[in-house]
PDB file of all heavy atoms in Angstrom:
ATOM      1  N   GLY A   1      86.911-104.622 111.026  1.00  0.00           N
ATOM      2  CA  GLY A   1      86.464-104.245 112.366  1.00  0.00           C
ATOM      3  C   GLY A   1      84.972-104.348 112.580  1.00  0.00           C
ATOM      4  O   GLY A   1      84.455-103.975 113.635  1.00  0.00           O
ATOM      5  N   ASN A   2      84.274-104.907 111.601  1.00  0.00           N
ATOM      6  CA  ASN A   2      82.806-104.928 111.638  1.00  0.00           C
ATOM      7  C   ASN A   2      82.267-106.202 112.284  1.00  0.00           C
ATOM      8  O   ASN A   2      81.462-106.925 111.708  1.00  0.00           O
ATOM      9  CB  ASN A   2      82.260-104.782 110.210  1.00  0.00           C
ATOM     10  CG  ASN A   2      80.766-104.495 110.185  1.00  0.00           C
ATOM     11  OD1 ASN A   2      80.175-104.167 111.210  1.00  0.00           O
ATOM     12  ND2 ASN A   2      80.162-104.632 109.021  1.00  0.00           N
ATOM     13  N   GLY A   3      82.744-106.490 113.499  1.00  0.00           N
ATOM     14  CA  GLY A   3      82.211-107.649 114.225  1.00  0.00           C
ATOM     15  C   GLY A   3      82.655-108.961 113.607  1.00  0.00           C
ATOM     16  O   GLY A   3      83.750-109.091 113.085  1.00  0.00           O
ATOM     17  N   GLY A   4      81.789-109.952 113.646  1.00  0.00           N
ATOM     18  CA  GLY A   4      82.137-111.266 113.127  1.00  0.00           C
ATOM     19  C   GLY A   4      82.733-112.141 114.215  1.00  0.00           C
ATOM     20  O   GLY A   4      83.270-111.657 115.214  1.00  0.00           O
ATOM     21  N   LYS A   5      82.651-113.427 114.012  1.00  0.00           N
ATOM     22  CA  LYS A   5      83.099-114.376 115.037  1.00  0.00           C
ATOM     23  C   LYS A   5      84.582-114.682 114.960  1.00  0.00           C
ATOM     24  O   LYS A   5      85.144-115.260 115.870  1.00  0.00           O
ATOM     25  CB  LYS A   5      82.304-115.690 114.888  1.00  0.00           C
ATOM     26  CG  LYS A   5      80.796-115.510 114.973  1.00  0.00           C
ATOM     27  CD  LYS A   5      80.084-116.829 114.688  1.00  0.00           C
ATOM     28  CE  LYS A   5      78.580-116.627 114.574  1.00  0.00           C
ATOM     29  NZ  LYS A   5      78.195-115.841 113.380  1.00  0.00           N
ATOM     30  N   ARG A   6      85.244-114.323 113.852  1.00  0.00           N
ATOM     31  CA  ARG A   6      86.646-114.675 113.632  1.00  0.00           C
ATOM     32  C   ARG A   6      86.836-116.187 113.821  1.00  0.00           C
ATOM     33  O   ARG A   6      87.849-116.641 114.363  1.00  0.00           O
ATOM     34  CB  ARG A   6      87.562-113.928 114.588  1.00  0.00           C
ATOM     35  CG  ARG A   6      87.684-112.444 114.364  1.00  0.00           C
ATOM     36  CD  ARG A   6      88.593-112.113 113.179  1.00  0.00           C
ATOM     37  NE  ARG A   6      89.246-110.823 113.320  1.00  0.00           N
ATOM     38  CZ  ARG A   6      88.679-109.666 113.016  1.00  0.00           C
ATOM     39  NH1 ARG A   6      87.444-109.648 112.542  1.00  0.00           N
ATOM     40  NH2 ARG A   6      89.338-108.533 113.159  1.00  0.00           N
ATOM     41  N   LEU A   7      85.856-116.956 113.366  1.00  0.00           N
ATOM     42  CA  LEU A   7      85.851-118.391 113.630  1.00  0.00           C
ATOM     43  C   LEU A   7      86.977-119.111 112.894  1.00  0.00           C
ATOM     44  O   LEU A   7      87.627-120.000 113.457  1.00  0.00           O
ATOM     45  CB  LEU A   7      84.484-118.975 113.224  1.00  0.00           C
ATOM     46  CG  LEU A   7      84.231-120.444 113.519  1.00  0.00           C
ATOM     47  CD1 LEU A   7      84.458-120.756 114.996  1.00  0.00           C
ATOM     48  CD2 LEU A   7      82.799-120.819 113.129  1.00  0.00           C
ATOM     49  N   ARG A   8      87.233-118.733 111.660  1.00  0.00           N
ATOM     50  CA  ARG A   8      88.231-119.445 110.858  1.00  0.00           C
ATOM     51  C   ARG A   8      89.641-119.276 111.422  1.00  0.00           C
ATOM     52  O   ARG A   8      90.339-120.271 111.616  1.00  0.00           O
ATOM     53  CB  ARG A   8      88.118-119.005 109.398  1.00  0.00           C
ATOM     54  CG  ARG A   8      86.792-119.425 108.768  1.00  0.00           C
ATOM     55  CD  ARG A   8      86.365-118.489 107.635  1.00  0.00           C
ATOM     56  NE  ARG A   8      85.002-118.759 107.171  1.00  0.00           N
ATOM     57  CZ  ARG A   8      83.904-118.291 107.774  1.00  0.00           C
ATOM     58  NH1 ARG A   8      84.010-117.522 108.848  1.00  0.00           N
ATOM     59  NH2 ARG A   8      82.707-118.571 107.290  1.00  0.00           N
ATOM     60  N   PRO A   9      90.091-118.038 111.693  1.00  0.00           N
ATOM     61  CA  PRO A   9      91.407-117.923 112.337  1.00  0.00           C
ATOM     62  C   PRO A   9      91.454-118.560 113.720  1.00  0.00           C
ATOM     63  O   PRO A   9      92.476-119.116 114.126  1.00  0.00           O
ATOM     64  CB  PRO A   9      91.650-116.410 112.406  1.00  0.00           C
ATOM     65  CG  PRO A   9      90.341-115.762 112.124  1.00  0.00           C
ATOM     66  CD  PRO A   9      89.541-116.723 111.321  1.00  0.00           C
ATOM     67  N   MET A  10      90.338-118.512 114.440  1.00  0.00           N
ATOM     68  CA  MET A  10      90.297-119.147 115.752  1.00  0.00           C
ATOM     69  C   MET A  10      90.530-120.648 115.647  1.00  0.00           C
ATOM     70  O   MET A  10      91.251-121.252 116.462  1.00  0.00           O
ATOM     71  CB  MET A  10      88.932-118.890 116.418  1.00  0.00           C
ATOM     72  CG  MET A  10      88.871-119.327 117.885  1.00  0.00           C
ATOM     73  SD  MET A  10      87.176-119.384 118.530  1.00  0.00           S
ATOM     74  CE  MET A  10      86.590-117.745 118.136  1.00  0.00           C
ATOM     75  N   LEU A  11      89.943-121.275 114.620  1.00  0.00           N
ATOM     76  CA  LEU A  11      90.145-122.707 114.410  1.00  0.00           C
ATOM     77  C   LEU A  11      91.615-123.025 114.169  1.00  0.00           C
ATOM     78  O   LEU A  11      92.148-124.007 114.696  1.00  0.00           O
ATOM     79  CB  LEU A  11      89.306-123.187 113.221  1.00  0.00           C
ATOM     80  CG  LEU A  11      87.803-123.306 113.445  1.00  0.00           C
ATOM     81  CD1 LEU A  11      87.086-123.516 112.117  1.00  0.00           C
ATOM     82  CD2 LEU A  11      87.499-124.453 114.402  1.00  0.00           C
ATOM     83  N   LEU A  12      92.265-122.195 113.363  1.00  0.00           N
ATOM     84  CA  LEU A  12      93.683-122.420 113.087  1.00  0.00           C
ATOM     85  C   LEU A  12      94.501-122.316 114.374  1.00  0.00           C
ATOM     86  O   LEU A  12      95.357-123.172 114.649  1.00  0.00           O
ATOM     87  CB  LEU A  12      94.170-121.403 112.048  1.00  0.00           C
ATOM     88  CG  LEU A  12      95.548-121.643 111.430  1.00  0.00           C
ATOM     89  CD1 LEU A  12      95.636-120.982 110.052  1.00  0.00           C
ATOM     90  CD2 LEU A  12      96.691-121.136 112.308  1.00  0.00           C
ATOM     91  N   LEU A  13      94.233-121.299 115.174  1.00  0.00           N
ATOM     92  CA  LEU A  13      94.986-121.093 116.409  1.00  0.00           C
ATOM     93  C   LEU A  13      94.738-122.215 117.418  1.00  0.00           C
ATOM     94  O   LEU A  13      95.679-122.706 118.061  1.00  0.00           O
ATOM     95  CB  LEU A  13      94.619-119.744 117.025  1.00  0.00           C
ATOM     96  CG  LEU A  13      94.957-118.505 116.179  1.00  0.00           C
ATOM     97  CD1 LEU A  13      94.395-117.256 116.830  1.00  0.00           C
ATOM     98  CD2 LEU A  13      96.457-118.374 115.969  1.00  0.00           C
ATOM     99  N   LEU A  14      93.483-122.625 117.542  1.00  0.00           N
ATOM    100  CA  LEU A  14      93.172-123.710 118.473  1.00  0.00           C
ATOM    101  C   LEU A  14      93.807-125.030 118.039  1.00  0.00           C
ATOM    102  O   LEU A  14      94.339-125.786 118.865  1.00  0.00           O
ATOM    103  CB  LEU A  14      91.655-123.886 118.597  1.00  0.00           C
ATOM    104  CG  LEU A  14      90.919-122.855 119.445  1.00  0.00           C
ATOM    105  CD1 LEU A  14      89.409-123.018 119.275  1.00  0.00           C
ATOM    106  CD2 LEU A  14      91.302-122.980 120.922  1.00  0.00           C
ATOM    107  N   ALA A  15      93.761-125.313 116.733  1.00  0.00           N
ATOM    108  CA  ALA A  15      94.362-126.545 116.223  1.00  0.00           C
ATOM    109  C   ALA A  15      95.867-126.535 116.464  1.00  0.00           C
ATOM    110  O   ALA A  15      96.454-127.553 116.856  1.00  0.00           O
ATOM    111  CB  ALA A  15      94.050-126.709 114.738  1.00  0.00           C
ATOM    112  N   ALA A  16      96.507-125.377 116.249  1.00  0.00           N
ATOM    113  CA  ALA A  16      97.942-125.268 116.500  1.00  0.00           C
ATOM    114  C   ALA A  16      98.256-125.511 117.972  1.00  0.00           C
ATOM    115  O   ALA A  16      99.216-126.220 118.314  1.00  0.00           O
ATOM    116  CB  ALA A  16      98.445-123.891 116.069  1.00  0.00           C
ATOM    117  N   LYS A  17      97.446-124.936 118.856  1.00  0.00           N
ATOM    118  CA  LYS A  17      97.669-125.135 120.290  1.00  0.00           C
ATOM    119  C   LYS A  17      97.423-126.592 120.693  1.00  0.00           C
ATOM    120  O   LYS A  17      98.116-127.131 121.562  1.00  0.00           O
ATOM    121  CB  LYS A  17      96.763-124.199 121.095  1.00  0.00           C
ATOM    122  CG  LYS A  17      97.265-122.763 121.146  1.00  0.00           C
ATOM    123  CD  LYS A  17      96.544-121.964 122.239  1.00  0.00           C
ATOM    124  CE  LYS A  17      97.338-120.728 122.609  1.00  0.00           C
ATOM    125  NZ  LYS A  17      96.791-120.031 123.793  1.00  0.00           N
ATOM    126  N   ALA A  18      96.448-127.220 120.050  1.00  0.00           N
ATOM    127  CA  ALA A  18      96.182-128.634 120.334  1.00  0.00           C
ATOM    128  C   ALA A  18      97.353-129.511 119.900  1.00  0.00           C
ATOM    129  O   ALA A  18      97.551-130.605 120.435  1.00  0.00           O
ATOM    130  CB  ALA A  18      94.910-129.084 119.617  1.00  0.00           C
ATOM    131  N   LEU A  19      98.143-129.009 118.944  1.00  0.00           N
ATOM    132  CA  LEU A  19      99.321-129.748 118.459  1.00  0.00           C
ATOM    133  C   LEU A  19     100.597-129.342 119.197  1.00  0.00           C
ATOM    134  O   LEU A  19     101.668-129.831 118.880  1.00  0.00           O
ATOM    135  CB  LEU A  19      99.492-129.519 116.954  1.00  0.00           C
ATOM    136  CG  LEU A  19      98.367-130.103 116.084  1.00  0.00           C
ATOM    137  CD1 LEU A  19      98.529-129.655 114.640  1.00  0.00           C
ATOM    138  CD2 LEU A  19      98.325-131.617 116.171  1.00  0.00           C
ATOM    139  N   GLY A  20     100.473-128.414 120.138  1.00  0.00           N
ATOM    140  CA  GLY A  20     101.619-128.125 120.986  1.00  0.00           C
ATOM    141  C   GLY A  20     102.051-126.690 121.101  1.00  0.00           C
ATOM    142  O   GLY A  20     102.421-126.231 122.175  1.00  0.00           O
ATOM    143  N   ARG A  21     102.047-125.929 119.979  1.00  0.00           N
ATOM    144  CA  ARG A  21     102.571-124.563 120.083  1.00  0.00           C
ATOM    145  C   ARG A  21     102.088-123.712 118.910  1.00  0.00           C
ATOM    146  O   ARG A  21     101.608-124.232 117.901  1.00  0.00           O
ATOM    147  CB  ARG A  21     104.099-124.565 120.092  1.00  0.00           C
ATOM    148  CG  ARG A  21     104.710-125.036 118.781  1.00  0.00           C
ATOM    149  CD  ARG A  21     106.233-125.099 118.815  1.00  0.00           C
ATOM    150  NE  ARG A  21     106.762-125.549 117.537  1.00  0.00           N
ATOM    151  CZ  ARG A  21     107.021-124.732 116.521  1.00  0.00           C
ATOM    152  NH1 ARG A  21     106.783-123.436 116.643  1.00  0.00           N
ATOM    153  NH2 ARG A  21     107.521-125.198 115.391  1.00  0.00           N
ATOM    154  N   ILE A  22     102.260-122.400 119.062  1.00  0.00           N
ATOM    155  CA  ILE A  22     101.953-121.450 117.995  1.00  0.00           C
ATOM    156  C   ILE A  22     103.210-120.646 117.695  1.00  0.00           C
ATOM    157  O   ILE A  22     103.854-120.134 118.623  1.00  0.00           O
ATOM    158  CB  ILE A  22     100.806-120.500 118.408  1.00  0.00           C
ATOM    159  CG1 ILE A  22      99.470-121.245 118.372  1.00  0.00           C
ATOM    160  CG2 ILE A  22     100.741-119.280 117.499  1.00  0.00           C
ATOM    161  CD1 ILE A  22      98.278-120.379 118.702  1.00  0.00           C
ATOM    162  N   ASP A  23     103.584-120.538 116.423  1.00  0.00           N
ATOM    163  CA  ASP A  23     104.701-119.668 116.056  1.00  0.00           C
ATOM    164  C   ASP A  23     104.200-118.547 115.138  1.00  0.00           C
ATOM    165  O   ASP A  23     103.002-118.444 114.863  1.00  0.00           O
ATOM    166  CB  ASP A  23     105.850-120.458 115.423  1.00  0.00           C
ATOM    167  CG  ASP A  23     105.497-121.074 114.079  1.00  0.00           C
ATOM    168  OD1 ASP A  23     104.507-120.649 113.438  1.00  0.00           O
ATOM    169  OD2 ASP A  23     106.221-121.997 113.651  1.00  0.00           O
ATOM    170  N   HIS A  24     105.124-117.725 114.647  1.00  0.00           N
ATOM    171  CA  HIS A  24     104.725-116.554 113.849  1.00  0.00           C
ATOM    172  C   HIS A  24     103.980-116.964 112.584  1.00  0.00           C
ATOM    173  O   HIS A  24     103.057-116.248 112.153  1.00  0.00           O
ATOM    174  CB  HIS A  24     105.948-115.711 113.494  1.00  0.00           C
ATOM    175  CG  HIS A  24     105.608-114.508 112.669  1.00  0.00           C
ATOM    176  ND1 HIS A  24     105.003-113.384 113.220  1.00  0.00           N
ATOM    177  CD2 HIS A  24     105.721-114.264 111.334  1.00  0.00           C
ATOM    178  CE1 HIS A  24     104.785-112.499 112.265  1.00  0.00           C
ATOM    179  NE2 HIS A  24     105.203-113.004 111.117  1.00  0.00           N
ATOM    180  N   ASN A  25     104.364-118.078 111.981  1.00  0.00           N
ATOM    181  CA  ASN A  25     103.684-118.504 110.752  1.00  0.00           C
ATOM    182  C   ASN A  25     102.220-118.862 111.007  1.00  0.00           C
ATOM    183  O   ASN A  25     101.357-118.608 110.155  1.00  0.00           O
ATOM    184  CB  ASN A  25     104.412-119.693 110.120  1.00  0.00           C
ATOM    185  CG  ASN A  25     105.650-119.263 109.362  1.00  0.00           C
ATOM    186  OD1 ASN A  25     105.749-118.133 108.902  1.00  0.00           O
ATOM    187  ND2 ASN A  25     106.616-120.170 109.238  1.00  0.00           N
ATOM    188  N   HIS A  26     101.933-119.435 112.163  1.00  0.00           N
ATOM    189  CA  HIS A  26     100.536-119.695 112.517  1.00  0.00           C
ATOM    190  C   HIS A  26      99.751-118.382 112.581  1.00  0.00           C
ATOM    191  O   HIS A  26      98.639-118.281 112.056  1.00  0.00           O
ATOM    192  CB  HIS A  26     100.433-120.407 113.872  1.00  0.00           C
ATOM    193  CG  HIS A  26     100.846-121.844 113.856  1.00  0.00           C
ATOM    194  ND1 HIS A  26     101.952-122.294 114.529  1.00  0.00           N
ATOM    195  CD2 HIS A  26     100.306-122.933 113.252  1.00  0.00           C
ATOM    196  CE1 HIS A  26     102.074-123.603 114.357  1.00  0.00           C
ATOM    197  NE2 HIS A  26     101.085-124.008 113.587  1.00  0.00           N
ATOM    198  N   LEU A  27     100.327-117.384 113.230  1.00  0.00           N
ATOM    199  CA  LEU A  27      99.656-116.085 113.362  1.00  0.00           C
ATOM    200  C   LEU A  27      99.452-115.447 111.989  1.00  0.00           C
ATOM    201  O   LEU A  27      98.365-114.920 111.696  1.00  0.00           O
ATOM    202  CB  LEU A  27     100.479-115.155 114.256  1.00  0.00           C
ATOM    203  CG  LEU A  27     100.716-115.603 115.702  1.00  0.00           C
ATOM    204  CD1 LEU A  27     101.620-114.607 116.423  1.00  0.00           C
ATOM    205  CD2 LEU A  27      99.404-115.767 116.457  1.00  0.00           C
ATOM    206  N   ALA A  28     100.501-115.491 111.158  1.00  0.00           N
ATOM    207  CA  ALA A  28     100.403-114.893 109.824  1.00  0.00           C
ATOM    208  C   ALA A  28      99.319-115.576 108.998  1.00  0.00           C
ATOM    209  O   ALA A  28      98.536-114.917 108.302  1.00  0.00           O
ATOM    210  CB  ALA A  28     101.753-114.992 109.111  1.00  0.00           C
ATOM    211  N   LEU A  29      99.238-116.892 109.085  1.00  0.00           N
ATOM    212  CA  LEU A  29      98.252-117.624 108.280  1.00  0.00           C
ATOM    213  C   LEU A  29      96.836-117.452 108.826  1.00  0.00           C
ATOM    214  O   LEU A  29      95.867-117.504 108.066  1.00  0.00           O
ATOM    215  CB  LEU A  29      98.633-119.097 108.184  1.00  0.00           C
ATOM    216  CG  LEU A  29      99.894-119.335 107.337  1.00  0.00           C
ATOM    217  CD1 LEU A  29     100.344-120.788 107.424  1.00  0.00           C
ATOM    218  CD2 LEU A  29      99.657-118.941 105.882  1.00  0.00           C
ATOM    219  N   ALA A  30      96.704-117.232 110.128  1.00  0.00           N
ATOM    220  CA  ALA A  30      95.383-116.898 110.679  1.00  0.00           C
ATOM    221  C   ALA A  30      94.905-115.579 110.084  1.00  0.00           C
ATOM    222  O   ALA A  30      93.723-115.421 109.733  1.00  0.00           O
ATOM    223  CB  ALA A  30      95.455-116.807 112.203  1.00  0.00           C
ATOM    224  N   ALA A  31      95.831-114.612 109.932  1.00  0.00           N
ATOM    225  CA  ALA A  31      95.484-113.336 109.298  1.00  0.00           C
ATOM    226  C   ALA A  31      95.152-113.542 107.820  1.00  0.00           C
ATOM    227  O   ALA A  31      94.207-112.939 107.297  1.00  0.00           O
ATOM    228  CB  ALA A  31      96.642-112.347 109.449  1.00  0.00           C
ATOM    229  N   VAL A  32      95.908-114.391 107.158  1.00  0.00           N
ATOM    230  CA  VAL A  32      95.651-114.701 105.742  1.00  0.00           C
ATOM    231  C   VAL A  32      94.250-115.266 105.557  1.00  0.00           C
ATOM    232  O   VAL A  32      93.499-114.862 104.667  1.00  0.00           O
ATOM    233  CB  VAL A  32      96.702-115.695 105.203  1.00  0.00           C
ATOM    234  CG1 VAL A  32      96.261-116.292 103.860  1.00  0.00           C
ATOM    235  CG2 VAL A  32      98.052-115.006 105.050  1.00  0.00           C
ATOM    236  N   ILE A  33      93.889-116.211 106.408  1.00  0.00           N
ATOM    237  CA  ILE A  33      92.565-116.834 106.340  1.00  0.00           C
ATOM    238  C   ILE A  33      91.469-115.785 106.516  1.00  0.00           C
ATOM    239  O   ILE A  33      90.458-115.784 105.792  1.00  0.00           O
ATOM    240  CB  ILE A  33      92.433-117.945 107.416  1.00  0.00           C
ATOM    241  CG1 ILE A  33      93.311-119.152 107.066  1.00  0.00           C
ATOM    242  CG2 ILE A  33      90.975-118.372 107.592  1.00  0.00           C
ATOM    243  CD1 ILE A  33      92.858-119.961 105.879  1.00  0.00           C
ATOM    244  N   GLU A  34      91.667-114.860 107.445  1.00  0.00           N
ATOM    245  CA  GLU A  34      90.659-113.814 107.675  1.00  0.00           C
ATOM    246  C   GLU A  34      90.592-112.860 106.482  1.00  0.00           C
ATOM    247  O   GLU A  34      89.504-112.412 106.106  1.00  0.00           O
ATOM    248  CB  GLU A  34      90.976-113.046 108.960  1.00  0.00           C
ATOM    249  CG  GLU A  34      89.897-112.052 109.372  1.00  0.00           C
ATOM    250  CD  GLU A  34      88.546-112.674 109.692  1.00  0.00           C
ATOM    251  OE1 GLU A  34      88.473-113.907 109.919  1.00  0.00           O
ATOM    252  OE2 GLU A  34      87.537-111.932 109.719  1.00  0.00           O
ATOM    253  N   PHE A  35      91.727-112.553 105.878  1.00  0.00           N
ATOM    254  CA  PHE A  35      91.742-111.689 104.696  1.00  0.00           C
ATOM    255  C   PHE A  35      90.977-112.345 103.540  1.00  0.00           C
ATOM    256  O   PHE A  35      90.195-111.682 102.852  1.00  0.00           O
ATOM    257  CB  PHE A  35      93.190-111.411 104.267  1.00  0.00           C
ATOM    258  CG  PHE A  35      93.758-110.142 104.834  1.00  0.00           C
ATOM    259  CD1 PHE A  35      93.518-109.778 106.156  1.00  0.00           C
ATOM    260  CD2 PHE A  35      94.553-109.311 104.064  1.00  0.00           C
ATOM    261  CE1 PHE A  35      94.039-108.612 106.689  1.00  0.00           C
ATOM    262  CE2 PHE A  35      95.088-108.136 104.592  1.00  0.00           C
ATOM    263  CZ  PHE A  35      94.831-107.782 105.899  1.00  0.00           C
ATOM    264  N   ILE A  36      91.226-113.618 103.322  1.00  0.00           N
ATOM    265  CA  ILE A  36      90.534-114.323 102.231  1.00  0.00           C
ATOM    266  C   ILE A  36      89.036-114.350 102.498  1.00  0.00           C
ATOM    267  O   ILE A  36      88.223-114.086 101.603  1.00  0.00           O
ATOM    268  CB  ILE A  36      91.087-115.757 102.058  1.00  0.00           C
ATOM    269  CG1 ILE A  36      92.529-115.702 101.545  1.00  0.00           C
ATOM    270  CG2 ILE A  36      90.210-116.572 101.104  1.00  0.00           C
ATOM    271  CD1 ILE A  36      93.224-117.045 101.505  1.00  0.00           C
TER     272      ILE A  36
END
C-alpha cells in the first residue's frame, strides 16, 4: 500500500487488453508480478 506506479502489473493488463480480453489468470499473474 506504499504508493508506487504498479507499472509491471499495468503492463500485463494492457497487453492482455491489446490482445482482446482479460481473464482471471491475467489478474492472478498481475498480482504475482507485483508480489515478486
